[in-house]
């Protein structure tokens, strides 16, 4: 998954980003609302973690603005404000959840998973299709009944395809979802990850089809 973290406390932001990257997520970090808006305008995110008190304004104004422009990316508010009225106000503006600082990182991770499950309309944590059983939360994968060990980016690439079977992903789209804004990535890198994923899925009924000039698509032969 790719997250946007909007937080001006550098120590807290680094701690959150480090934990999320250990789970294989891609994190872009914005310290100001201006930067956050630029990220949203140029990239796609699965989840936004949004502080309220930022150097150039109130995070709730960012949330309200982007909800009125049909941005449906889930948003979890991060704030030191604990009053019930603050929570209700943020939820009414379109926030999907609310975490009060200080918080336990394990709780934040659990809330992220819950929000993402609600967004997908699926309360289950395991995806089962074509001989593949995949738990993206635990990073567990079996293919044809055999456990398969994969690197984090390979797991996230598989998750992208499994969540959108039949959808065409261009190389640029895959690069945007698998790498953060400040990482350099080549077309060859995407081809390498696609090649590895094909090998992992070889014992299943799933295949990744190359559509010349367009990108890649996950197909089910069963």
Protein backbone atom coordinates (compact mmCIF):
# COMPACT_ATOMS: atom_id res chain seq x y z
CA UNK A 1 0.00 0.00 0.00
CA UNK A 2 1.03 3.61 -0.55
CA UNK A 3 0.41 6.11 2.24
CA UNK A 4 0.72 9.88 2.48
CA UNK A 5 1.79 11.05 5.94
CA UNK A 6 1.08 14.72 6.68
CA UNK A 7 2.89 15.53 9.94
CA UNK A 8 5.23 18.38 10.91
CA UNK A 9 6.77 16.62 13.92
CA UNK A 10 9.82 15.09 12.25
CA UNK A 11 10.59 12.60 15.02
CA UNK A 12 7.03 11.29 15.05
CA UNK A 13 6.88 11.22 11.25
CA UNK A 14 10.11 9.24 11.04
CA UNK A 15 8.86 6.76 13.65
CA UNK A 16 5.56 6.22 11.81
CA UNK A 17 7.25 5.93 8.42
CA UNK A 18 9.80 3.43 9.72
CA UNK A 19 7.10 1.16 11.17
CA UNK A 20 4.99 1.33 8.02
CA UNK A 21 7.96 0.60 5.75
CA UNK A 22 8.77 -2.50 7.82
CA UNK A 23 5.34 -3.75 6.76
CA UNK A 24 6.26 -3.10 3.14
CA UNK A 25 4.23 0.07 2.67
CA UNK A 26 5.44 3.01 0.58
CA UNK A 27 5.37 6.33 2.47
CA UNK A 28 5.47 9.88 1.15
CA UNK A 29 5.89 12.51 3.88
CA UNK A 30 4.64 16.10 3.79
CA UNK A 31 5.40 18.58 6.57
CA UNK A 32 2.95 21.22 5.29
CA UNK A 33 -0.48 21.34 3.69
CA UNK A 34 1.00 22.90 0.58
CA UNK A 35 3.26 19.88 0.11
CA UNK A 36 0.41 17.49 0.89
CA UNK A 37 -1.75 19.06 -1.81
CA UNK A 38 1.08 18.72 -4.33
CA UNK A 39 1.50 15.03 -3.48
CA UNK A 40 -2.23 14.35 -3.85
CA UNK A 41 -2.33 16.20 -7.17
CA UNK A 42 0.43 14.06 -8.67
CA UNK A 43 0.07 10.63 -7.05
CA UNK A 44 -2.44 8.00 -5.96
CA UNK A 45 -2.61 6.94 -2.32
CA UNK A 46 -4.39 4.13 -0.51
CA UNK A 47 -4.51 6.05 2.77
CA UNK A 48 -3.72 9.51 4.17
CA UNK A 49 -2.52 10.00 7.75
CA UNK A 50 -3.30 13.65 8.51
CA UNK A 51 -2.21 15.84 11.40
CA UNK A 52 -4.47 18.78 12.29
CA UNK A 53 -2.03 21.44 13.53
CA UNK A 54 0.35 22.19 10.67
CA UNK A 55 2.64 25.18 10.01
CA UNK A 56 0.52 26.54 7.16
CA UNK A 57 -2.97 25.74 8.38
CA UNK A 58 -5.49 23.31 9.82
CA UNK A 59 -5.48 19.77 8.44
CA UNK A 60 -9.26 19.76 8.55
CA UNK A 61 -9.38 22.44 5.86
CA UNK A 62 -7.26 20.15 3.67
CA UNK A 63 -9.67 17.29 4.36
CA UNK A 64 -12.75 19.40 3.69
CA UNK A 65 -11.35 20.80 0.44
CA UNK A 66 -10.39 17.44 -0.97
CA UNK A 67 -13.65 15.79 0.02
CA UNK A 68 -15.51 18.49 -1.92
CA UNK A 69 -13.33 17.67 -4.95
CA UNK A 70 -14.38 14.01 -4.78
CA UNK A 71 -11.15 12.69 -3.27
CA UNK A 72 -12.27 9.40 -1.74
CA UNK A 73 -8.92 8.28 -0.34
CA UNK A 74 -9.41 7.12 3.28
CA UNK A 75 -8.12 9.62 5.86
CA UNK A 76 -7.11 8.97 9.46
CA UNK A 77 -6.72 12.10 11.59
CA UNK A 78 -3.71 12.26 13.93
CA UNK A 79 -4.07 14.88 16.66
CA UNK A 80 -3.43 15.75 20.29
CA UNK A 81 -6.99 17.04 20.61
CA UNK A 82 -9.09 14.54 22.53
CA UNK A 83 -12.41 16.36 22.94
CA UNK A 84 -15.45 14.53 21.64
CA UNK A 85 -16.48 17.62 19.65
CA UNK A 86 -13.15 17.56 17.78
CA UNK A 87 -13.60 13.91 16.87
CA UNK A 88 -17.17 14.43 15.72
CA UNK A 89 -16.19 17.49 13.69
CA UNK A 90 -13.41 15.64 11.87
CA UNK A 91 -15.62 12.64 11.13
CA UNK A 92 -18.38 14.90 9.82
CA UNK A 93 -15.87 16.51 7.45
CA UNK A 94 -15.12 13.11 5.94
CA UNK A 95 -12.40 11.53 8.09
CA UNK A 96 -12.57 7.74 8.26
CA UNK A 97 -11.00 7.42 11.71
CA UNK A 98 -9.35 9.47 14.43
CA UNK A 99 -6.25 8.62 16.51
CA UNK A 100 -5.31 10.73 19.53
CA UNK A 101 -1.65 11.43 20.30
CA UNK A 102 0.24 9.89 21.96
CA UNK A 103 -0.74 6.55 20.46
CA UNK A 104 0.66 3.06 20.28
CA UNK A 105 2.04 2.33 16.81
CA UNK A 106 0.46 -1.12 16.82
CA UNK A 107 -2.94 0.50 17.34
CA UNK A 108 -2.33 2.91 14.45
CA UNK A 109 -1.36 0.00 12.20
CA UNK A 110 -4.51 -1.90 13.21
CA UNK A 111 -6.69 1.13 12.49
CA UNK A 112 -5.06 1.51 9.09
CA UNK A 113 -5.86 -2.10 8.27
CA UNK A 114 -9.47 -1.72 9.44
CA UNK A 115 -10.03 1.44 7.39
CA UNK A 116 -8.54 -0.17 4.29
CA UNK A 117 -10.74 -3.25 4.71
CA UNK A 118 -13.83 -1.05 4.98
CA UNK A 119 -12.75 0.88 1.90
CA UNK A 120 -12.45 -2.33 -0.12
CA UNK A 121 -15.81 -3.53 1.20
CA UNK A 122 -14.16 -6.67 2.48
CA UNK A 123 -14.00 -7.59 6.16
CA UNK A 124 -11.78 -10.56 5.37
CA UNK A 125 -8.02 -10.23 5.59
CA UNK A 126 -7.25 -13.16 3.26
CA UNK A 127 -7.59 -13.25 -0.53
CA UNK A 128 -8.14 -16.69 -2.10
CA UNK A 129 -8.20 -17.12 -5.89
CA UNK A 130 -6.76 -19.42 -8.52
CA UNK A 131 -4.76 -21.56 -6.10
CA UNK A 132 -3.35 -18.50 -4.34
CA UNK A 133 -4.03 -17.75 -0.67
CA UNK A 134 -2.68 -14.36 0.34
CA UNK A 135 -2.83 -12.50 3.64
CA UNK A 136 -1.46 -8.99 2.93
CA UNK A 137 -1.50 -8.01 6.61
CA UNK A 138 0.69 -10.90 7.74
CA UNK A 139 2.57 -11.13 4.44
CA UNK A 140 1.74 -14.84 4.14
CA UNK A 141 1.38 -16.42 0.71
CA UNK A 142 0.72 -19.96 -0.43
CA UNK A 143 0.60 -21.02 -4.08
CA UNK A 144 -0.80 -24.44 -4.88
CA UNK A 145 -0.74 -25.23 -1.16
CA UNK A 146 2.97 -24.46 -0.81
CA UNK A 147 4.24 -21.54 1.29
CA UNK A 148 6.09 -18.93 -0.76
CA UNK A 149 8.55 -16.38 0.62
CA UNK A 150 8.50 -13.02 -1.11
CA UNK A 151 10.16 -9.65 -0.58
CA UNK A 152 8.01 -6.74 0.59
CA UNK A 153 7.75 -5.01 -2.79
CA UNK A 154 6.84 -8.30 -4.47
CA UNK A 155 4.08 -8.77 -1.89
CA UNK A 156 2.74 -5.26 -2.48
CA UNK A 157 2.86 -5.77 -6.24
CA UNK A 158 0.84 -8.97 -5.85
CA UNK A 159 -1.61 -7.13 -3.60
CA UNK A 160 -2.12 -4.45 -6.26
CA UNK A 161 -2.96 -7.04 -8.90
CA UNK A 162 -5.18 -9.16 -6.63
CA UNK A 163 -7.20 -6.12 -5.59
CA UNK A 164 -7.84 -5.17 -9.22
CA UNK A 165 -7.97 -8.31 -11.41
CA UNK A 166 -8.39 -7.47 -15.07
CA UNK A 167 -7.20 -3.89 -14.60
CA UNK A 168 -4.28 -2.70 -16.71
CA UNK A 169 -1.37 -1.16 -14.81
CA UNK A 170 1.18 0.86 -16.77
CA UNK A 171 4.82 0.81 -15.69
CA UNK A 172 4.47 4.39 -14.49
CA UNK A 173 1.43 3.47 -12.41
CA UNK A 174 3.21 0.53 -10.82
CA UNK A 175 6.28 2.65 -10.10
CA UNK A 176 4.08 5.28 -8.46
CA UNK A 177 2.45 2.69 -6.20
CA UNK A 178 5.59 0.74 -5.28
CA UNK A 179 8.11 3.53 -4.75
CA UNK A 180 8.06 6.77 -2.79
CA UNK A 181 8.38 10.17 -4.44
CA UNK A 182 12.09 10.56 -3.68
CA UNK A 183 13.16 7.12 -4.95
CA UNK A 184 14.63 6.67 -8.40
CA UNK A 185 13.12 3.80 -10.37
CA UNK A 186 13.69 2.53 -13.90
CA UNK A 187 11.44 0.63 -16.28
CA UNK A 188 13.84 -2.28 -15.87
CA UNK A 189 13.16 -2.41 -12.13
CA UNK A 190 9.45 -2.90 -12.77
CA UNK A 191 10.20 -5.64 -15.30
CA UNK A 192 12.37 -7.40 -12.72
CA UNK A 193 9.57 -7.39 -10.13
CA UNK A 194 7.03 -8.58 -12.70
CA UNK A 195 9.39 -11.43 -13.66
CA UNK A 196 9.80 -12.50 -10.04
CA UNK A 197 6.06 -12.39 -9.43
CA UNK A 198 5.40 -14.53 -12.50
CA UNK A 199 7.76 -17.19 -11.16
CA UNK A 200 5.98 -17.16 -7.79
CA UNK A 201 2.59 -17.59 -9.47
CA UNK A 202 3.68 -20.29 -11.93
CA UNK A 203 1.97 -23.07 -9.95
CA UNK A 204 -1.34 -21.19 -9.79
CA UNK A 205 -4.16 -20.40 -12.23
CA UNK A 206 -3.15 -16.73 -12.24
CA UNK A 207 -0.94 -15.12 -14.83
CA UNK A 208 0.35 -11.63 -15.50
CA UNK A 209 -0.27 -10.66 -19.11
CA UNK A 210 1.90 -8.08 -20.87
CA UNK A 211 -0.08 -5.70 -23.06
CA UNK A 212 2.47 -4.08 -25.32
CA UNK A 213 2.49 -0.32 -25.00
CA UNK A 214 -0.09 -0.40 -22.19
CA UNK A 215 1.26 -2.35 -19.24
CA UNK A 216 0.34 -5.45 -17.27
CA UNK A 217 -2.87 -7.21 -16.24
CA UNK A 218 -3.65 -10.07 -13.86
CA UNK A 219 -5.70 -12.79 -15.55
CA UNK A 220 -7.31 -15.93 -14.14
CA UNK A 221 -7.12 -19.03 -16.33
CA UNK A 222 -9.44 -21.07 -14.17
